[in-house]
Amino acid sequence: MKLKQAYLTAAEPEGLAGFYEALGLAVRFADRGKWIQFVGEKVALCIASPVESVSAPSLNAVLVFEVDNLESALQRARAHGAEVLGEIRDMGTHGRVAHFKDPQHNTIQLFQAAAG
């Protein structure tokens, strides 16, 4: 068994997809107003309308995105409408994390691995 994709349920899928495009994700496939799939290395992030989903909007699991520069990624998210939650947390030799709510209130974590 392998994980194929994870998706967020959004009342306005195209609006939320625009937020993630602005953060740097590229769209692989879009079915207007129903389903948007982003390019991923091994797992694809998708955004589904309530009609396509088995979950209610904003009641999803937390998605974690690995980034090269945590401050830059967090600033870009804030500039596109994200609500930053708390401060950056340093986890020592593991790395650092920050959390935000996207424009449709999904909780997202950004992770930057420790150098070395």
N, C-alpha and C. Protein backbone atom coordinates (compact mmCIF):
# COMPACT_ATOMS: atom_id res chain seq x y z
N MET A 1 0.85 -1.17 0.00
CA MET A 1 0.00 0.00 0.00
C MET A 1 0.89 1.24 0.00
N LYS A 2 0.45 2.29 -0.69
CA LYS A 2 1.19 3.54 -0.71
C LYS A 2 0.21 4.71 -0.72
N LEU A 3 0.66 5.82 -0.14
CA LEU A 3 -0.17 7.02 -0.12
C LEU A 3 -0.09 7.69 -1.48
N LYS A 4 -1.23 7.92 -2.09
CA LYS A 4 -1.28 8.52 -3.43
C LYS A 4 -1.45 10.03 -3.37
N GLN A 5 -2.39 10.52 -2.54
CA GLN A 5 -2.64 11.94 -2.46
C GLN A 5 -3.35 12.28 -1.16
N ALA A 6 -3.33 13.53 -0.83
CA ALA A 6 -4.09 14.08 0.29
C ALA A 6 -4.85 15.28 -0.26
N TYR A 7 -6.06 15.53 0.26
CA TYR A 7 -6.78 16.69 -0.26
C TYR A 7 -7.47 17.46 0.84
N LEU A 8 -7.63 18.74 0.58
CA LEU A 8 -8.38 19.65 1.42
C LEU A 8 -9.74 19.85 0.80
N THR A 9 -10.78 19.94 1.61
CA THR A 9 -12.11 20.26 1.13
C THR A 9 -12.30 21.76 1.24
N ALA A 10 -12.75 22.39 0.17
CA ALA A 10 -12.88 23.84 0.16
C ALA A 10 -14.21 24.27 -0.44
N ALA A 11 -14.88 25.19 0.23
CA ALA A 11 -16.13 25.74 -0.29
C ALA A 11 -15.88 26.47 -1.60
N GLU A 12 -14.69 27.07 -1.74
CA GLU A 12 -14.29 27.76 -2.97
C GLU A 12 -12.96 27.16 -3.45
N PRO A 13 -12.99 26.00 -4.12
CA PRO A 13 -11.77 25.31 -4.49
C PRO A 13 -10.80 26.12 -5.34
N GLU A 14 -11.32 26.87 -6.31
CA GLU A 14 -10.41 27.62 -7.18
C GLU A 14 -9.72 28.76 -6.43
N GLY A 15 -10.42 29.39 -5.49
CA GLY A 15 -9.81 30.44 -4.69
C GLY A 15 -8.69 29.89 -3.82
N LEU A 16 -8.93 28.75 -3.18
CA LEU A 16 -7.91 28.14 -2.34
C LEU A 16 -6.75 27.64 -3.19
N ALA A 17 -7.03 27.11 -4.35
CA ALA A 17 -5.96 26.66 -5.25
C ALA A 17 -5.07 27.84 -5.64
N GLY A 18 -5.67 29.00 -5.86
CA GLY A 18 -4.89 30.19 -6.18
C GLY A 18 -3.92 30.56 -5.08
N PHE A 19 -4.34 30.38 -3.82
CA PHE A 19 -3.46 30.64 -2.68
C PHE A 19 -2.23 29.73 -2.75
N TYR A 20 -2.44 28.44 -2.98
CA TYR A 20 -1.32 27.49 -3.02
C TYR A 20 -0.45 27.69 -4.26
N GLU A 21 -1.05 28.12 -5.36
CA GLU A 21 -0.25 28.47 -6.54
C GLU A 21 0.66 29.65 -6.22
N ALA A 22 0.13 30.64 -5.50
CA ALA A 22 0.93 31.82 -5.13
C ALA A 22 2.08 31.45 -4.21
N LEU A 23 1.93 30.35 -3.46
CA LEU A 23 3.01 29.90 -2.58
C LEU A 23 4.05 29.06 -3.33
N GLY A 24 3.76 28.71 -4.58
CA GLY A 24 4.76 28.02 -5.39
C GLY A 24 4.40 26.64 -5.89
N LEU A 25 3.19 26.14 -5.60
CA LEU A 25 2.80 24.84 -6.12
C LEU A 25 2.27 24.99 -7.54
N ALA A 26 2.53 24.00 -8.38
CA ALA A 26 2.07 24.03 -9.77
C ALA A 26 0.88 23.08 -9.95
N VAL A 27 -0.12 23.52 -10.68
CA VAL A 27 -1.31 22.70 -10.94
C VAL A 27 -0.98 21.63 -11.98
N ARG A 28 -1.36 20.40 -11.68
CA ARG A 28 -1.21 19.28 -12.62
C ARG A 28 -2.51 19.06 -13.39
N PHE A 29 -3.65 19.17 -12.71
CA PHE A 29 -4.96 18.88 -13.30
C PHE A 29 -6.01 19.72 -12.59
N ALA A 30 -6.99 20.20 -13.35
CA ALA A 30 -8.09 20.95 -12.75
C ALA A 30 -9.40 20.61 -13.44
N ASP A 31 -10.42 20.30 -12.65
CA ASP A 31 -11.78 20.09 -13.13
C ASP A 31 -12.59 21.24 -12.53
N ARG A 32 -12.77 22.28 -13.29
CA ARG A 32 -13.34 23.56 -12.84
C ARG A 32 -14.32 23.45 -11.67
N GLY A 33 -13.98 24.07 -10.56
CA GLY A 33 -14.87 24.15 -9.42
C GLY A 33 -15.05 22.89 -8.62
N LYS A 34 -14.41 21.78 -9.03
CA LYS A 34 -14.59 20.51 -8.33
C LYS A 34 -13.31 19.97 -7.73
N TRP A 35 -12.23 19.97 -8.50
CA TRP A 35 -11.02 19.25 -8.09
C TRP A 35 -9.80 19.89 -8.73
N ILE A 36 -8.81 20.23 -7.93
CA ILE A 36 -7.55 20.76 -8.45
C ILE A 36 -6.43 19.92 -7.84
N GLN A 37 -5.60 19.37 -8.69
CA GLN A 37 -4.47 18.55 -8.22
C GLN A 37 -3.17 19.26 -8.55
N PHE A 38 -2.29 19.33 -7.55
CA PHE A 38 -0.99 19.96 -7.73
C PHE A 38 0.07 18.91 -8.02
N VAL A 39 1.12 19.33 -8.67
CA VAL A 39 2.27 18.48 -8.94
C VAL A 39 2.94 18.17 -7.60
N GLY A 40 3.28 16.91 -7.38
CA GLY A 40 3.97 16.49 -6.16
C GLY A 40 5.03 15.46 -6.50
N GLU A 41 6.01 15.32 -5.63
CA GLU A 41 7.07 14.35 -5.90
C GLU A 41 6.56 12.92 -5.79
N LYS A 42 6.00 12.57 -4.63
CA LYS A 42 5.48 11.21 -4.45
C LYS A 42 4.02 11.19 -4.04
N VAL A 43 3.56 12.31 -3.46
CA VAL A 43 2.17 12.43 -3.02
C VAL A 43 1.64 13.75 -3.56
N ALA A 44 0.46 13.73 -4.12
CA ALA A 44 -0.13 14.94 -4.67
C ALA A 44 -1.05 15.60 -3.65
N LEU A 45 -1.00 16.92 -3.57
CA LEU A 45 -1.98 17.69 -2.81
C LEU A 45 -3.09 18.05 -3.77
N CYS A 46 -4.33 17.87 -3.32
CA CYS A 46 -5.49 18.19 -4.13
C CYS A 46 -6.46 19.04 -3.31
N ILE A 47 -7.31 19.77 -3.99
CA ILE A 47 -8.37 20.54 -3.35
C ILE A 47 -9.68 20.12 -3.99
N ALA A 48 -10.63 19.73 -3.14
CA ALA A 48 -11.91 19.21 -3.62
C ALA A 48 -13.05 20.09 -3.18
N SER A 49 -14.08 20.18 -4.02
CA SER A 49 -15.31 20.86 -3.61
C SER A 49 -16.05 19.95 -2.64
N PRO A 50 -17.00 20.47 -1.87
CA PRO A 50 -17.78 19.62 -0.97
C PRO A 50 -18.47 18.47 -1.70
N VAL A 51 -18.84 18.67 -2.96
CA VAL A 51 -19.50 17.61 -3.75
C VAL A 51 -18.56 16.43 -4.00
N GLU A 52 -17.27 16.71 -4.16
CA GLU A 52 -16.27 15.68 -4.47
C GLU A 52 -15.66 15.06 -3.22
N SER A 53 -15.91 15.62 -2.05
CA SER A 53 -15.22 15.24 -0.83
C SER A 53 -16.04 14.35 0.09
N VAL A 54 -15.36 13.67 1.00
CA VAL A 54 -16.02 12.92 2.06
C VAL A 54 -15.85 13.64 3.40
N SER A 55 -15.31 14.86 3.39
CA SER A 55 -15.07 15.65 4.59
C SER A 55 -15.68 17.04 4.43
N ALA A 56 -15.97 17.67 5.55
CA ALA A 56 -16.48 19.04 5.52
C ALA A 56 -15.30 20.02 5.41
N PRO A 57 -15.52 21.20 4.82
CA PRO A 57 -14.44 22.18 4.73
C PRO A 57 -13.86 22.52 6.11
N SER A 58 -12.54 22.69 6.16
CA SER A 58 -11.79 23.11 7.34
C SER A 58 -11.82 22.11 8.50
N LEU A 59 -12.15 20.87 8.25
CA LEU A 59 -12.10 19.83 9.28
C LEU A 59 -11.14 18.73 8.84
N ASN A 60 -10.00 19.16 8.31
CA ASN A 60 -9.06 18.23 7.73
C ASN A 60 -7.86 18.01 8.63
N ALA A 61 -7.05 17.05 8.27
CA ALA A 61 -5.78 16.82 8.94
C ALA A 61 -4.83 17.98 8.62
N VAL A 62 -3.78 18.12 9.41
CA VAL A 62 -2.78 19.15 9.16
C VAL A 62 -1.84 18.68 8.06
N LEU A 63 -1.62 19.53 7.05
CA LEU A 63 -0.66 19.23 6.00
C LEU A 63 0.67 19.86 6.37
N VAL A 64 1.75 19.16 6.08
CA VAL A 64 3.09 19.65 6.38
C VAL A 64 3.86 19.78 5.07
N PHE A 65 4.38 20.98 4.83
CA PHE A 65 5.19 21.26 3.65
C PHE A 65 6.62 21.51 4.09
N GLU A 66 7.57 20.81 3.49
CA GLU A 66 8.98 21.08 3.77
C GLU A 66 9.44 22.22 2.88
N VAL A 67 10.12 23.18 3.49
CA VAL A 67 10.61 24.36 2.77
C VAL A 67 12.10 24.54 3.04
N ASP A 68 12.76 25.24 2.12
CA ASP A 68 14.19 25.52 2.29
C ASP A 68 14.43 26.71 3.22
N ASN A 69 13.51 27.69 3.21
CA ASN A 69 13.67 28.90 4.00
C ASN A 69 12.35 29.19 4.70
N LEU A 70 12.27 28.88 5.98
CA LEU A 70 11.02 28.98 6.73
C LEU A 70 10.50 30.41 6.79
N GLU A 71 11.35 31.37 7.08
CA GLU A 71 10.91 32.76 7.17
C GLU A 71 10.34 33.26 5.86
N SER A 72 11.00 32.96 4.77
CA SER A 72 10.55 33.40 3.45
C SER A 72 9.20 32.76 3.10
N ALA A 73 9.05 31.47 3.34
CA ALA A 73 7.79 30.77 3.03
C ALA A 73 6.66 31.30 3.89
N LEU A 74 6.93 31.57 5.16
CA LEU A 74 5.91 32.09 6.06
C LEU A 74 5.50 33.51 5.65
N GLN A 75 6.46 34.31 5.25
CA GLN A 75 6.17 35.68 4.79
C GLN A 75 5.32 35.64 3.52
N ARG A 76 5.64 34.72 2.60
CA ARG A 76 4.87 34.60 1.35
C ARG A 76 3.43 34.16 1.67
N ALA A 77 3.27 33.22 2.60
CA ALA A 77 1.92 32.78 2.99
C ALA A 77 1.13 33.93 3.58
N ARG A 78 1.74 34.69 4.48
CA ARG A 78 1.08 35.83 5.12
C ARG A 78 0.67 36.86 4.06
N ALA A 79 1.54 37.12 3.09
CA ALA A 79 1.26 38.10 2.04
C ALA A 79 0.07 37.70 1.17
N HIS A 80 -0.23 36.40 1.13
CA HIS A 80 -1.35 35.92 0.31
C HIS A 80 -2.57 35.55 1.14
N GLY A 81 -2.62 36.04 2.37
CA GLY A 81 -3.85 35.89 3.16
C GLY A 81 -3.82 34.87 4.27
N ALA A 82 -2.69 34.26 4.56
CA ALA A 82 -2.62 33.28 5.65
C ALA A 82 -2.62 33.99 7.00
N GLU A 83 -3.19 33.34 7.99
CA GLU A 83 -3.15 33.82 9.36
C GLU A 83 -2.09 32.99 10.09
N VAL A 84 -0.99 33.62 10.45
CA VAL A 84 0.10 32.92 11.13
C VAL A 84 -0.32 32.60 12.56
N LEU A 85 -0.04 31.38 12.99
CA LEU A 85 -0.41 30.92 14.33
C LEU A 85 0.84 30.78 15.19
N GLY A 86 1.01 31.65 16.13
CA GLY A 86 2.14 31.56 17.05
C GLY A 86 3.47 31.92 16.41
N GLU A 87 4.53 31.51 17.08
CA GLU A 87 5.89 31.81 16.67
C GLU A 87 6.53 30.60 16.00
N ILE A 88 7.65 30.82 15.34
CA ILE A 88 8.44 29.71 14.80
C ILE A 88 8.97 28.90 15.98
N ARG A 89 8.86 27.59 15.89
CA ARG A 89 9.33 26.71 16.97
C ARG A 89 10.60 26.01 16.53
N ASP A 90 11.63 26.13 17.33
CA ASP A 90 12.92 25.49 17.06
C ASP A 90 12.92 24.13 17.73
N MET A 91 13.17 23.08 16.95
CA MET A 91 13.20 21.72 17.47
C MET A 91 14.62 21.16 17.47
N GLY A 92 15.59 22.05 17.62
CA GLY A 92 16.98 21.63 17.73
C GLY A 92 17.50 20.97 16.48
N THR A 93 18.09 19.80 16.64
CA THR A 93 18.73 19.10 15.52
C THR A 93 17.73 18.56 14.49
N HIS A 94 16.45 18.59 14.81
CA HIS A 94 15.44 18.12 13.86
C HIS A 94 15.10 19.21 12.85
N GLY A 95 14.94 20.45 13.32
CA GLY A 95 14.59 21.55 12.42
C GLY A 95 13.69 22.55 13.11
N ARG A 96 12.95 23.31 12.31
CA ARG A 96 12.04 24.33 12.83
C ARG A 96 10.70 24.24 12.12
N VAL A 97 9.64 24.64 12.82
CA VAL A 97 8.29 24.62 12.24
C VAL A 97 7.55 25.92 12.52
N ALA A 98 6.59 26.20 11.66
CA ALA A 98 5.66 27.31 11.85
C ALA A 98 4.30 26.85 11.35
N HIS A 99 3.25 27.44 11.89
CA HIS A 99 1.89 27.05 11.52
C HIS A 99 1.10 28.26 11.04
N PHE A 100 0.17 28.02 10.13
CA PHE A 100 -0.75 29.07 9.70
C PHE A 100 -2.07 28.47 9.28
N LYS A 101 -3.07 29.33 9.20
CA LYS A 101 -4.37 28.97 8.63
C LYS A 101 -4.41 29.56 7.24
N ASP A 102 -4.75 28.73 6.24
CA ASP A 102 -4.87 29.25 4.89
C ASP A 102 -6.16 30.08 4.79
N PRO A 103 -6.42 30.73 3.65
CA PRO A 103 -7.60 31.60 3.55
C PRO A 103 -8.95 30.91 3.79
N GLN A 104 -8.99 29.57 3.75
CA GLN A 104 -10.25 28.87 4.04
C GLN A 104 -10.14 28.08 5.34
N HIS A 105 -9.20 28.48 6.20
CA HIS A 105 -9.08 28.04 7.59
C HIS A 105 -8.53 26.64 7.81
N ASN A 106 -7.84 26.07 6.83
CA ASN A 106 -7.14 24.81 7.03
C ASN A 106 -5.83 25.10 7.75
N THR A 107 -5.46 24.25 8.71
CA THR A 107 -4.21 24.43 9.43
C THR A 107 -3.08 23.77 8.66
N ILE A 108 -2.02 24.54 8.42
CA ILE A 108 -0.87 24.10 7.63
C ILE A 108 0.39 24.28 8.46
N GLN A 109 1.32 23.33 8.34
CA GLN A 109 2.61 23.44 9.00
C GLN A 109 3.70 23.53 7.95
N LEU A 110 4.63 24.46 8.16
CA LEU A 110 5.83 24.55 7.33
C LEU A 110 6.98 24.00 8.15
N PHE A 111 7.82 23.19 7.53
CA PHE A 111 8.94 22.56 8.22
C PHE A 111 10.23 22.86 7.47
N GLN A 112 11.25 23.28 8.19
CA GLN A 112 12.59 23.46 7.62
C GLN A 112 13.54 22.56 8.39
N ALA A 113 14.14 21.60 7.70
CA ALA A 113 15.08 20.68 8.34
C ALA A 113 16.30 21.43 8.85
N ALA A 114 16.88 20.93 9.91
CA ALA A 114 18.10 21.52 10.44
C ALA A 114 19.25 21.31 9.46
N ALA A 115 20.14 22.28 9.40
CA ALA A 115 21.29 22.18 8.51
C ALA A 115 22.24 21.09 9.00
N GLY A 116 22.87 20.42 8.05
CA GLY A 116 23.91 19.49 8.40
C GLY A 116 23.47 18.13 8.59
